[in-house]
Protein backbone atom coordinates (compact mmCIF):
# COMPACT_ATOMS: atom_id res chain seq x y z
CA UNK A 1 18.78 4.01 -0.89
CA UNK A 2 21.38 1.51 -1.88
CA UNK A 3 22.55 -1.68 -0.48
CA UNK A 4 25.79 -3.18 -1.23
CA UNK A 5 26.13 -6.75 -0.99
CA UNK A 6 29.83 -7.94 -1.38
CA UNK A 7 30.85 -11.04 -3.17
CA UNK A 8 31.43 -13.94 -0.57
CA UNK A 9 28.72 -12.63 1.75
CA UNK A 10 26.75 -15.54 3.36
CA UNK A 11 23.03 -16.07 2.91
CA UNK A 12 22.55 -14.74 6.59
CA UNK A 13 24.48 -11.73 6.18
CA UNK A 14 22.56 -10.83 2.96
CA UNK A 15 19.21 -11.35 4.72
CA UNK A 16 20.21 -9.25 7.49
CA UNK A 17 21.44 -6.51 5.23
CA UNK A 18 18.10 -6.75 3.34
CA UNK A 19 15.99 -6.70 6.59
CA UNK A 20 17.87 -3.42 7.78
CA UNK A 21 17.21 -1.77 4.29
CA UNK A 22 13.54 -2.67 4.68
CA UNK A 23 13.19 -1.11 8.06
CA UNK A 24 14.87 2.10 6.95
CA UNK A 25 12.60 2.42 3.85
CA UNK A 26 9.60 4.85 4.36
CA UNK A 27 6.13 3.47 3.90
CA UNK A 28 3.99 5.26 1.26
CA UNK A 29 0.46 6.19 1.38
CA UNK A 30 -2.12 5.77 4.10
CA UNK A 31 -3.76 3.07 6.17
CA UNK A 32 -7.12 2.53 4.45
CA UNK A 33 -8.35 -0.44 6.58
CA UNK A 34 -9.41 2.02 9.43
CA UNK A 35 -12.13 3.29 6.89
CA UNK A 36 -13.46 -0.14 6.42
CA UNK A 37 -17.12 -0.47 6.83
CA UNK A 38 -17.58 3.30 7.67
CA UNK A 39 -20.22 3.94 5.00
CA UNK A 40 -23.42 2.11 4.95
CA UNK A 41 -25.17 2.48 1.36
CA UNK A 42 -28.81 1.73 0.95
CA UNK A 43 -28.47 1.64 -2.92
CA UNK A 44 -25.94 -0.31 -5.30
CA UNK A 45 -22.70 1.65 -5.43
CA UNK A 46 -22.62 1.24 -9.26
CA UNK A 47 -25.96 2.94 -9.66
CA UNK A 48 -25.17 5.65 -7.43
CA UNK A 49 -21.98 6.49 -9.30
CA UNK A 50 -23.85 6.49 -12.70
CA UNK A 51 -26.57 8.73 -11.42
CA UNK A 52 -24.05 11.05 -10.01
CA UNK A 53 -22.15 11.12 -13.07
CA UNK A 54 -25.41 11.65 -15.10
CA UNK A 55 -26.46 14.78 -13.02
CA UNK A 56 -23.75 17.06 -15.03
CA UNK A 57 -25.49 16.43 -18.20
């Protein structure tokens, strides 16, 4: 998407045009905050990761 800002535009016009552009832009990705705190681990995550990686050897 392209936003054209003409010479002589005021700061208010530029801000309004950029705000309109931001509202049209689609957000990428997923909202990860809903998964925050959903896993309770008893061990250190780094130790678990190393253990799981060593299972393939």
